[in-house]
Amino acid sequence: MRKQTAKGFTLLELMTALAILAILLSVGVPSFVQMIRNNRITAQANEMVSALNYARSESVKRGIPVSVCSSTDGATCAASTTWNTGWIVFTDGNGAAGTVNPAMPVESGDQVLQVWPAVQGGLALDSVAPTPRNFVQYTSTGMPNPVGTTNFSLYKSGAPANTARCISVSTSGRVSTAQLVCP
């Protein structure tokens, strides 16, 4: 009769494997958290850039002013330079700039074209210097009204400054984004 040997790990082998696993996790988890944070910030910046470009293209296509404003309810403007609560794109040819003015019949009033939800993941989105604005309006030529640069700062409180994004609308209406804190 043949003697059977035990199959499995010794305590020393198990402890060595667990030590290696702990080292790998301590190096990998922080990098993974940073990657997730960067992806969230990039995705949110792309949402804002998309809204601004959509408003600009709709203003040219329709031949009327189209605005983007911060909104808490998806139907009216919030009149706030803090855009965390979401924003809307709407036709803005009926009355005061930067304000949704519905009218009867509907064809003569401002119309909400698209709604973006509140910013997620603990991110903050603010309109900042040189002129903080609660709305951006594009004229029928695709130029911003009033003319001037508008900057939006997108960041996560407590995160390194190099994760922030600065979204800029130039005086010509072109939208750009940079990986930095807005000046």
C-alpha atoms as a PDB file:
ATOM      1  CA  MET A   1       0.000   0.000   0.000  1.00  0.00           C
ATOM      2  CA  ARG A   2       1.232   3.406  -1.000  1.00  0.00           C
ATOM      3  CA  LYS A   3       1.369   6.365   1.400  1.00  0.00           C
ATOM      4  CA  GLN A   4      -0.746   9.377   0.310  1.00  0.00           C
ATOM      5  CA  THR A   5       0.675  12.843   0.715  1.00  0.00           C
ATOM      6  CA  ALA A   6      -1.457  15.801   1.645  1.00  0.00           C
ATOM      7  CA  LYS A   7      -2.274  18.142  -1.197  1.00  0.00           C
ATOM      8  CA  GLY A   8      -2.592  21.877  -0.558  1.00  0.00           C
ATOM      9  CA  PHE A   9      -0.641  24.869   0.730  1.00  0.00           C
ATOM     10  CA  THR A  10       1.541  25.077   3.757  1.00  0.00           C
ATOM     11  CA  LEU A  11       0.960  27.892   6.201  1.00  0.00           C
ATOM     12  CA  LEU A  12       4.180  29.563   5.042  1.00  0.00           C
ATOM     13  CA  GLU A  13       3.083  29.471   1.372  1.00  0.00           C
ATOM     14  CA  LEU A  14      -0.327  30.901   2.259  1.00  0.00           C
ATOM     15  CA  MET A  15       1.185  33.756   4.289  1.00  0.00           C
ATOM     16  CA  THR A  16       3.599  34.579   1.450  1.00  0.00           C
ATOM     17  CA  ALA A  17       0.769  34.673  -1.096  1.00  0.00           C
ATOM     18  CA  LEU A  18      -1.338  36.925   1.165  1.00  0.00           C
ATOM     19  CA  ALA A  19       1.600  39.299   1.707  1.00  0.00           C
ATOM     20  CA  ILE A  20       2.154  39.608  -2.048  1.00  0.00           C
ATOM     21  CA  LEU A  21      -1.577  40.183  -2.603  1.00  0.00           C
ATOM     22  CA  ALA A  22      -1.642  42.911   0.083  1.00  0.00           C
ATOM     23  CA  ILE A  23       1.302  44.699  -1.538  1.00  0.00           C
ATOM     24  CA  LEU A  24      -0.304  44.572  -4.990  1.00  0.00           C
ATOM     25  CA  LEU A  25      -3.618  45.878  -3.652  1.00  0.00           C
ATOM     26  CA  SER A  26      -1.976  48.725  -1.740  1.00  0.00           C
ATOM     27  CA  VAL A  27      -0.331  49.876  -4.963  1.00  0.00           C
ATOM     28  CA  GLY A  28      -3.242  49.211  -7.321  1.00  0.00           C
ATOM     29  CA  VAL A  29      -6.302  50.465  -5.432  1.00  0.00           C
ATOM     30  CA  PRO A  30      -5.251  54.153  -5.147  1.00  0.00           C
ATOM     31  CA  SER A  31      -4.424  54.211  -8.858  1.00  0.00           C
ATOM     32  CA  PHE A  32      -7.793  52.691  -9.660  1.00  0.00           C
ATOM     33  CA  VAL A  33      -9.613  55.278  -7.511  1.00  0.00           C
ATOM     34  CA  GLN A  34      -7.746  58.084  -9.282  1.00  0.00           C
ATOM     35  CA  MET A  35      -8.607  56.583 -12.676  1.00  0.00           C
ATOM     36  CA  ILE A  36     -12.311  56.463 -11.771  1.00  0.00           C
ATOM     37  CA  ARG A  37     -12.216  60.100 -10.558  1.00  0.00           C
ATOM     38  CA  ASN A  38     -10.488  61.243 -13.759  1.00  0.00           C
ATOM     39  CA  ASN A  39     -13.008  59.375 -15.915  1.00  0.00           C
ATOM     40  CA  ARG A  40     -15.956  60.942 -14.044  1.00  0.00           C
ATOM     41  CA  ILE A  41     -14.523  64.432 -14.448  1.00  0.00           C
ATOM     42  CA  THR A  42     -13.788  63.862 -18.129  1.00  0.00           C
ATOM     43  CA  ALA A  43     -17.283  62.474 -18.772  1.00  0.00           C
ATOM     44  CA  GLN A  44     -18.930  65.417 -17.005  1.00  0.00           C
ATOM     45  CA  ALA A  45     -16.761  67.914 -18.900  1.00  0.00           C
ATOM     46  CA  ASN A  46     -17.797  66.238 -22.153  1.00  0.00           C
ATOM     47  CA  GLU A  47     -21.465  66.616 -21.148  1.00  0.00           C
ATOM     48  CA  MET A  48     -21.036  70.371 -20.662  1.00  0.00           C
ATOM     49  CA  VAL A  49     -19.081  70.773 -23.896  1.00  0.00           C
ATOM     50  CA  SER A  50     -21.796  68.795 -25.682  1.00  0.00           C
ATOM     51  CA  ALA A  51     -24.532  71.085 -24.331  1.00  0.00           C
ATOM     52  CA  LEU A  52     -22.671  74.234 -25.372  1.00  0.00           C
ATOM     53  CA  ASN A  53     -21.897  72.903 -28.864  1.00  0.00           C
ATOM     54  CA  TYR A  54     -25.508  71.733 -29.261  1.00  0.00           C
ATOM     55  CA  ALA A  55     -26.811  75.198 -28.331  1.00  0.00           C
ATOM     56  CA  ARG A  56     -24.444  76.857 -30.781  1.00  0.00           C
ATOM     57  CA  SER A  57     -25.377  74.551 -33.657  1.00  0.00           C
ATOM     58  CA  GLU A  58     -29.113  74.900 -32.944  1.00  0.00           C
ATOM     59  CA  SER A  59     -28.866  78.698 -32.925  1.00  0.00           C
ATOM     60  CA  VAL A  60     -27.290  78.669 -36.383  1.00  0.00           C
ATOM     61  CA  LYS A  61     -29.649  75.985 -37.715  1.00  0.00           C
ATOM     62  CA  ARG A  62     -32.810  77.705 -36.427  1.00  0.00           C
ATOM     63  CA  GLY A  63     -31.634  81.261 -37.085  1.00  0.00           C
ATOM     64  CA  ILE A  64     -32.651  82.395 -33.582  1.00  0.00           C
ATOM     65  CA  PRO A  65     -30.862  82.821 -30.244  1.00  0.00           C
ATOM     66  CA  VAL A  66     -30.416  79.623 -28.221  1.00  0.00           C
ATOM     67  CA  SER A  67     -29.235  79.615 -24.607  1.00  0.00           C
ATOM     68  CA  VAL A  68     -27.809  77.234 -22.031  1.00  0.00           C
ATOM     69  CA  CYS A  69     -28.595  78.001 -18.381  1.00  0.00           C
ATOM     70  CA  SER A  70     -28.278  76.362 -14.987  1.00  0.00           C
ATOM     71  CA  SER A  71     -31.543  74.731 -13.951  1.00  0.00           C
ATOM     72  CA  THR A  72     -32.906  72.980 -10.883  1.00  0.00           C
ATOM     73  CA  ASP A  73     -36.115  71.651 -12.434  1.00  0.00           C
ATOM     74  CA  GLY A  74     -35.292  71.076 -16.110  1.00  0.00           C
ATOM     75  CA  ALA A  75     -37.859  73.643 -17.229  1.00  0.00           C
ATOM     76  CA  THR A  76     -36.673  77.056 -15.981  1.00  0.00           C
ATOM     77  CA  CYS A  77     -33.383  78.817 -15.402  1.00  0.00           C
ATOM     78  CA  ALA A  78     -31.969  78.865 -11.871  1.00  0.00           C
ATOM     79  CA  ALA A  79     -30.236  82.254 -12.212  1.00  0.00           C
ATOM     80  CA  SER A  80     -27.172  80.797 -10.471  1.00  0.00           C
ATOM     81  CA  THR A  81     -23.522  80.664 -11.441  1.00  0.00           C
ATOM     82  CA  THR A  82     -23.358  77.253  -9.735  1.00  0.00           C
ATOM     83  CA  TRP A  83     -24.315  74.690 -12.373  1.00  0.00           C
ATOM     84  CA  ASN A  84     -24.251  71.578 -10.128  1.00  0.00           C
ATOM     85  CA  THR A  85     -28.035  71.213 -10.298  1.00  0.00           C
ATOM     86  CA  GLY A  86     -28.047  70.608 -14.050  1.00  0.00           C
ATOM     87  CA  TRP A  87     -28.683  72.760 -17.111  1.00  0.00           C
ATOM     88  CA  ILE A  88     -31.012  73.177 -20.054  1.00  0.00           C
ATOM     89  CA  VAL A  89     -30.687  74.236 -23.680  1.00  0.00           C
ATOM     90  CA  PHE A  90     -33.612  76.290 -24.979  1.00  0.00           C
ATOM     91  CA  THR A  91     -34.639  78.630 -27.792  1.00  0.00           C
ATOM     92  CA  ASP A  92     -34.265  82.140 -26.423  1.00  0.00           C
ATOM     93  CA  GLY A  93     -35.920  84.464 -28.871  1.00  0.00           C
ATOM     94  CA  ASN A  94     -38.933  85.497 -26.816  1.00  0.00           C
ATOM     95  CA  GLY A  95     -38.108  88.282 -24.388  1.00  0.00           C
ATOM     96  CA  ALA A  96     -35.342  88.413 -21.798  1.00  0.00           C
ATOM     97  CA  ALA A  97     -32.066  86.713 -22.639  1.00  0.00           C
ATOM     98  CA  GLY A  98     -31.238  83.730 -20.468  1.00  0.00           C
ATOM     99  CA  THR A  99     -34.815  83.193 -19.269  1.00  0.00           C
ATOM    100  CA  VAL A 100     -37.284  80.596 -20.509  1.00  0.00           C
ATOM    101  CA  ASN A 101     -40.405  82.551 -21.483  1.00  0.00           C
ATOM    102  CA  PRO A 102     -43.235  80.216 -22.462  1.00  0.00           C
ATOM    103  CA  ALA A 103     -46.125  81.780 -24.342  1.00  0.00           C
ATOM    104  CA  MET A 104     -49.466  80.830 -25.831  1.00  0.00           C
ATOM    105  CA  PRO A 105     -49.489  79.623 -28.523  1.00  0.00           C
ATOM    106  CA  VAL A 106     -46.426  77.468 -27.904  1.00  0.00           C
ATOM    107  CA  GLU A 107     -44.887  78.340 -31.286  1.00  0.00           C
ATOM    108  CA  SER A 108     -44.269  81.933 -30.150  1.00  0.00           C
ATOM    109  CA  GLY A 109     -42.608  81.023 -26.822  1.00  0.00           C
ATOM    110  CA  ASP A 110     -39.221  79.729 -25.831  1.00  0.00           C
ATOM    111  CA  GLN A 111     -38.846  75.970 -26.111  1.00  0.00           C
ATOM    112  CA  VAL A 112     -36.653  73.700 -23.969  1.00  0.00           C
ATOM    113  CA  LEU A 113     -34.653  71.601 -26.422  1.00  0.00           C
ATOM    114  CA  GLN A 114     -32.671  69.364 -24.075  1.00  0.00           C
ATOM    115  CA  VAL A 115     -32.178  68.832 -20.335  1.00  0.00           C
ATOM    116  CA  TRP A 116     -29.022  67.678 -18.537  1.00  0.00           C
ATOM    117  CA  PRO A 117     -29.283  66.281 -14.989  1.00  0.00           C
ATOM    118  CA  ALA A 118     -27.396  67.383 -11.885  1.00  0.00           C
ATOM    119  CA  VAL A 119     -23.676  66.746 -11.651  1.00  0.00           C
ATOM    120  CA  GLN A 120     -22.931  63.382  -9.983  1.00  0.00           C
ATOM    121  CA  GLY A 121     -20.062  61.896  -7.989  1.00  0.00           C
ATOM    122  CA  GLY A 122     -19.387  64.830  -5.668  1.00  0.00           C
ATOM    123  CA  LEU A 123     -18.202  67.058  -8.525  1.00  0.00           C
ATOM    124  CA  ALA A 124     -18.708  70.819  -8.630  1.00  0.00           C
ATOM    125  CA  LEU A 125     -19.363  72.879 -11.772  1.00  0.00           C
ATOM    126  CA  ASP A 126     -19.195  76.656 -11.471  1.00  0.00           C
ATOM    127  CA  SER A 127     -19.090  79.560 -13.876  1.00  0.00           C
ATOM    128  CA  VAL A 128     -15.977  81.539 -12.933  1.00  0.00           C
ATOM    129  CA  ALA A 129     -13.903  84.570 -13.959  1.00  0.00           C
ATOM    130  CA  PRO A 130     -13.521  86.610 -16.042  1.00  0.00           C
ATOM    131  CA  THR A 131     -17.329  87.009 -15.901  1.00  0.00           C
ATOM    132  CA  PRO A 132     -19.335  84.409 -13.959  1.00  0.00           C
ATOM    133  CA  ARG A 133     -22.593  83.778 -15.834  1.00  0.00           C
ATOM    134  CA  ASN A 134     -25.825  81.965 -15.130  1.00  0.00           C
ATOM    135  CA  PHE A 135     -26.436  81.458 -18.858  1.00  0.00           C
ATOM    136  CA  VAL A 136     -24.634  81.378 -22.200  1.00  0.00           C
ATOM    137  CA  GLN A 137     -26.588  82.621 -25.205  1.00  0.00           C
ATOM    138  CA  TYR A 138     -25.655  82.089 -28.830  1.00  0.00           C
ATOM    139  CA  THR A 139     -26.979  84.391 -31.542  1.00  0.00           C
ATOM    140  CA  SER A 140     -28.197  83.166 -34.919  1.00  0.00           C
ATOM    141  CA  THR A 141     -24.608  83.480 -36.194  1.00  0.00           C
ATOM    142  CA  GLY A 142     -23.208  81.205 -33.460  1.00  0.00           C
ATOM    143  CA  MET A 143     -21.553  84.064 -31.582  1.00  0.00           C
ATOM    144  CA  PRO A 144     -22.017  84.394 -27.810  1.00  0.00           C
ATOM    145  CA  ASN A 145     -24.155  87.244 -26.509  1.00  0.00           C
ATOM    146  CA  PRO A 146     -22.887  89.255 -24.721  1.00  0.00           C
ATOM    147  CA  VAL A 147     -19.514  88.878 -26.375  1.00  0.00           C
ATOM    148  CA  GLY A 148     -16.857  87.747 -23.951  1.00  0.00           C
ATOM    149  CA  THR A 149     -15.108  84.691 -22.633  1.00  0.00           C
ATOM    150  CA  THR A 150     -17.031  82.433 -20.262  1.00  0.00           C
ATOM    151  CA  ASN A 151     -15.223  79.849 -18.143  1.00  0.00           C
ATOM    152  CA  PHE A 152     -16.616  76.882 -16.246  1.00  0.00           C
ATOM    153  CA  SER A 153     -14.577  75.165 -13.558  1.00  0.00           C
ATOM    154  CA  LEU A 154     -15.252  71.457 -13.018  1.00  0.00           C
ATOM    155  CA  TYR A 155     -13.550  69.883 -10.024  1.00  0.00           C
ATOM    156  CA  LYS A 156     -13.890  67.516  -7.085  1.00  0.00           C
ATOM    157  CA  SER A 157     -13.355  69.116  -3.713  1.00  0.00           C
ATOM    158  CA  GLY A 158     -10.238  67.730  -2.049  1.00  0.00           C
ATOM    159  CA  ALA A 159      -8.898  66.190  -5.255  1.00  0.00           C
ATOM    160  CA  PRO A 160      -5.545  67.261  -6.718  1.00  0.00           C
ATOM    161  CA  ALA A 161      -5.687  70.412  -8.846  1.00  0.00           C
ATOM    162  CA  ASN A 162      -4.424  68.516 -11.909  1.00  0.00           C
ATOM    163  CA  THR A 163      -7.746  66.618 -12.060  1.00  0.00           C
ATOM    164  CA  ALA A 164      -9.804  69.809 -12.545  1.00  0.00           C
ATOM    165  CA  ARG A 165     -11.104  70.878 -15.960  1.00  0.00           C
ATOM    166  CA  CYS A 166     -11.589  74.370 -17.317  1.00  0.00           C
ATOM    167  CA  ILE A 167     -14.286  74.599 -19.999  1.00  0.00           C
ATOM    168  CA  SER A 168     -14.092  77.849 -21.963  1.00  0.00           C
ATOM    169  CA  VAL A 169     -16.415  79.549 -24.410  1.00  0.00           C
ATOM    170  CA  SER A 170     -14.299  81.978 -26.453  1.00  0.00           C
ATOM    171  CA  THR A 171     -15.423  85.335 -27.783  1.00  0.00           C
ATOM    172  CA  SER A 172     -16.084  83.625 -31.134  1.00  0.00           C
ATOM    173  CA  GLY A 173     -18.284  80.954 -29.467  1.00  0.00           C
ATOM    174  CA  ARG A 174     -15.829  78.078 -29.781  1.00  0.00           C
ATOM    175  CA  VAL A 175     -15.824  75.692 -26.817  1.00  0.00           C
ATOM    176  CA  SER A 176     -12.591  74.199 -25.494  1.00  0.00           C
ATOM    177  CA  THR A 177     -11.533  72.266 -22.438  1.00  0.00           C
ATOM    178  CA  ALA A 178      -8.219  72.048 -20.597  1.00  0.00           C
ATOM    179  CA  GLN A 179      -6.968  69.942 -17.723  1.00  0.00           C
ATOM    180  CA  LEU A 180      -6.291  72.741 -15.253  1.00  0.00           C
ATOM    181  CA  VAL A 181      -7.928  75.044 -12.739  1.00  0.00           C
ATOM    182  CA  CYS A 182      -9.519  78.019 -14.530  1.00  0.00           C
ATOM    183  CA  PRO A 183      -7.512  81.219 -14.207  1.00  0.00           C
END
